[in-house]
Amino acid sequence: MSICDIVQSLAESLGLFLIRHFFVIIPGNFLSLCYIHGREEIIKSVHIVLEESMMNIEAMRQRLKEKAGPGAGMILLHNGVVRGTSRDGSLVNSIEVQADFQQLEKILEEARKMKGILAVEAELRTGTLQVGDDIMILGVAGDIRDNVIHCLAATLDRIKSEVTSKKEFK
């Protein structure tokens, strides 16, 4: 099966009609899909982390640095990891994570427009994750510390409240 067949199959499974599509595999093993539906152009990124791969925080840092260019005075990265305990202190064996990737793209686009921000990226895993597994990497590059810290904190809060949901298994 070719990559084009996989993209077509993925689009169909999402209920999309592909008139035209292209794909780009970027470092970190993510697939971005752009499609045209009817007369209205709709862009949607579908993120798939390959089962055998792990998120690569260094690769994200490099991408952010390249995208931001010489105007970047700070790159800040958040790496969320599955904890062995819940907030109430009880033991956790695994979690099930679900995400609204369309909302994630919207939040990232809004973050990229914040004052002093030059680049924003996120990688998010869904499905069943074990204690110690990476859940998310969020990176922000910008001009000065105040702008970058504010953007990362605000974006992270929005992702956790608007994009992801999780269920803990004890």
Protein backbone atom coordinates (compact mmCIF):
# COMPACT_ATOMS: atom_id res chain seq x y z
CA MET A 1 0.00 0.00 0.00
CA SER A 2 1.43 3.39 -1.00
CA ILE A 3 1.50 6.52 1.16
CA CYS A 4 -1.18 8.01 -1.11
CA ASP A 5 -3.41 4.98 -0.47
CA ILE A 6 -2.89 5.37 3.27
CA VAL A 7 -3.77 9.08 3.11
CA GLN A 8 -6.88 8.32 1.02
CA SER A 9 -7.94 5.59 3.44
CA LEU A 10 -7.35 7.86 6.45
CA ALA A 11 -9.38 10.65 4.87
CA GLU A 12 -12.24 8.29 4.10
CA SER A 13 -12.20 6.97 7.67
CA LEU A 14 -12.64 10.58 8.83
CA GLY A 15 -15.57 11.02 6.45
CA LEU A 16 -13.69 13.37 4.15
CA PHE A 17 -14.00 13.59 0.39
CA LEU A 18 -10.59 14.26 -1.09
CA ILE A 19 -10.58 16.33 -4.24
CA ARG A 20 -6.90 17.14 -3.87
CA HIS A 21 -4.46 16.24 -1.20
CA PHE A 22 -0.84 16.41 -0.28
CA PHE A 23 1.14 15.07 2.59
CA VAL A 24 4.27 15.95 4.41
CA ILE A 25 6.06 13.76 6.90
CA ILE A 26 7.93 16.00 9.29
CA PRO A 27 10.47 15.04 11.96
CA GLY A 28 8.76 13.40 14.89
CA ASN A 29 6.84 10.99 12.63
CA PHE A 30 3.78 13.18 12.14
CA LEU A 31 1.63 13.22 9.05
CA SER A 32 -0.11 16.44 8.02
CA LEU A 33 -3.00 16.20 5.60
CA CYS A 34 -4.52 19.08 3.64
CA TYR A 35 -7.71 18.59 1.70
CA ILE A 36 -10.19 20.55 -0.35
CA HIS A 37 -13.86 19.81 0.25
CA GLY A 38 -16.31 21.26 -2.26
CA ARG A 39 -15.62 24.95 -2.90
CA GLU A 40 -14.46 25.70 0.62
CA GLU A 41 -10.85 25.03 1.49
CA ILE A 42 -10.49 23.25 4.79
CA ILE A 43 -7.10 22.48 6.26
CA LYS A 44 -6.82 19.79 8.87
CA SER A 45 -3.74 18.26 10.36
CA VAL A 46 -4.03 14.67 11.39
CA HIS A 47 -1.27 13.72 13.77
CA ILE A 48 -0.21 10.12 13.95
CA VAL A 49 2.65 9.07 16.15
CA LEU A 50 4.10 5.84 14.86
CA GLU A 51 3.80 3.08 17.47
CA GLU A 52 7.51 2.30 17.64
CA SER A 53 8.64 5.89 17.83
CA MET A 54 8.99 8.17 20.79
CA MET A 55 8.44 11.88 20.81
CA ASN A 56 11.65 13.72 20.09
CA ILE A 57 12.00 16.88 22.12
CA GLU A 58 15.36 17.72 20.52
CA ALA A 59 13.87 17.49 17.02
CA MET A 60 11.07 19.85 18.09
CA ARG A 61 13.58 22.28 19.58
CA GLN A 62 15.48 22.32 16.28
CA ARG A 63 12.29 22.88 14.23
CA LEU A 64 11.25 25.75 16.50
CA LYS A 65 14.70 27.32 16.26
CA GLU A 66 14.67 27.10 12.45
CA LYS A 67 11.11 28.47 12.14
CA ALA A 68 11.72 31.32 14.59
CA GLY A 69 14.98 32.47 13.02
CA PRO A 70 17.27 35.13 14.45
CA GLY A 71 14.46 36.95 16.28
CA ALA A 72 14.16 34.19 18.88
CA GLY A 73 15.53 35.00 22.29
CA MET A 74 13.94 32.01 24.02
CA ILE A 75 12.61 28.54 23.23
CA LEU A 76 10.55 26.92 25.97
CA LEU A 77 9.46 23.28 25.91
CA HIS A 78 6.92 21.42 28.03
CA ASN A 79 7.04 17.60 28.20
CA GLY A 80 3.95 16.05 29.80
CA VAL A 81 4.47 12.53 31.15
CA VAL A 82 2.06 9.93 32.60
CA ARG A 83 2.42 10.04 36.40
CA GLY A 84 2.21 6.97 38.61
CA THR A 85 -0.26 8.72 40.90
CA SER A 86 -3.44 10.70 40.35
CA ARG A 87 -3.96 14.17 41.79
CA ASP A 88 -5.57 12.60 44.87
CA GLY A 89 -2.48 10.45 45.47
CA SER A 90 -3.93 7.09 44.42
CA LEU A 91 -1.84 4.81 42.19
CA VAL A 92 -2.33 4.87 38.41
CA ASN A 93 -1.31 2.00 36.10
CA SER A 94 -2.24 3.59 32.78
CA ILE A 95 -4.40 6.29 31.21
CA GLU A 96 -6.60 6.55 28.13
CA VAL A 97 -6.16 9.87 26.30
CA GLN A 98 -8.52 11.31 23.69
CA ALA A 99 -8.00 14.55 21.79
CA ASP A 100 -9.78 16.96 19.48
CA PHE A 101 -7.01 17.63 16.93
CA GLN A 102 -9.10 20.19 15.05
CA GLN A 103 -9.34 22.27 18.25
CA LEU A 104 -5.61 21.76 18.86
CA GLU A 105 -4.80 23.28 15.46
CA LYS A 106 -7.05 26.26 16.22
CA ILE A 107 -5.36 26.85 19.58
CA LEU A 108 -1.87 26.59 18.04
CA GLU A 109 -2.79 29.07 15.30
CA GLU A 110 -4.07 31.55 17.90
CA ALA A 111 -0.90 31.08 19.98
CA ARG A 112 1.26 31.83 16.95
CA LYS A 113 -0.43 35.26 16.73
CA MET A 114 0.42 36.24 20.30
CA LYS A 115 2.77 39.17 20.95
CA GLY A 116 6.40 38.30 20.35
CA ILE A 117 5.74 34.68 19.38
CA LEU A 118 7.62 33.33 16.36
CA ALA A 119 6.79 29.59 16.38
CA VAL A 120 4.56 27.15 18.28
CA GLU A 121 4.35 23.37 17.90
CA ALA A 122 2.70 20.51 19.78
CA GLU A 123 2.90 16.73 19.59
CA LEU A 124 0.19 14.80 21.37
CA ARG A 125 -0.28 11.06 21.89
CA THR A 126 -3.66 9.46 22.26
CA GLY A 127 -4.83 6.01 23.21
CA THR A 128 -3.66 3.90 26.14
CA LEU A 129 -0.46 5.17 27.72
CA GLN A 130 1.58 3.65 30.53
CA VAL A 131 3.25 5.34 33.50
CA GLY A 132 6.36 7.13 32.23
CA ASP A 133 5.08 7.52 28.65
CA ASP A 134 5.24 10.96 27.06
CA ILE A 135 1.76 12.44 26.54
CA MET A 136 2.60 15.78 24.98
CA ILE A 137 5.41 18.02 23.93
CA LEU A 138 4.55 21.70 23.53
CA GLY A 139 7.15 24.17 22.32
CA VAL A 140 7.12 27.94 21.96
CA ALA A 141 9.79 30.20 20.46
CA GLY A 142 9.64 33.94 20.79
CA ASP A 143 11.42 37.20 21.31
CA ILE A 144 11.62 37.62 25.10
CA ARG A 145 11.06 35.49 28.19
CA ASP A 146 7.85 37.21 29.36
CA ASN A 147 6.09 36.64 26.02
CA VAL A 148 7.26 33.03 25.66
CA ILE A 149 6.39 31.96 29.21
CA HIS A 150 2.95 33.59 28.98
CA CYS A 151 2.24 31.93 25.62
CA LEU A 152 3.33 28.47 26.76
CA ALA A 153 1.30 28.65 30.00
CA ALA A 154 -1.84 29.95 28.26
CA THR A 155 -1.58 27.46 25.39
CA LEU A 156 -0.97 24.53 27.73
CA ASP A 157 -3.98 25.48 29.86
CA ARG A 158 -6.18 25.67 26.76
CA ILE A 159 -4.95 22.33 25.40
CA LYS A 160 -5.63 20.61 28.72
CA SER A 161 -9.11 22.15 29.05
CA GLU A 162 -10.28 22.21 25.40
CA VAL A 163 -8.39 19.46 23.55
CA THR A 164 -7.60 16.48 25.75
CA SER A 165 -9.60 14.24 28.00
CA LYS A 166 -8.20 11.33 29.95
CA LYS A 167 -9.35 8.43 32.03
CA GLU A 168 -7.09 6.91 34.67
CA PHE A 169 -6.88 3.16 35.28
CA LYS A 170 -5.80 2.04 38.73
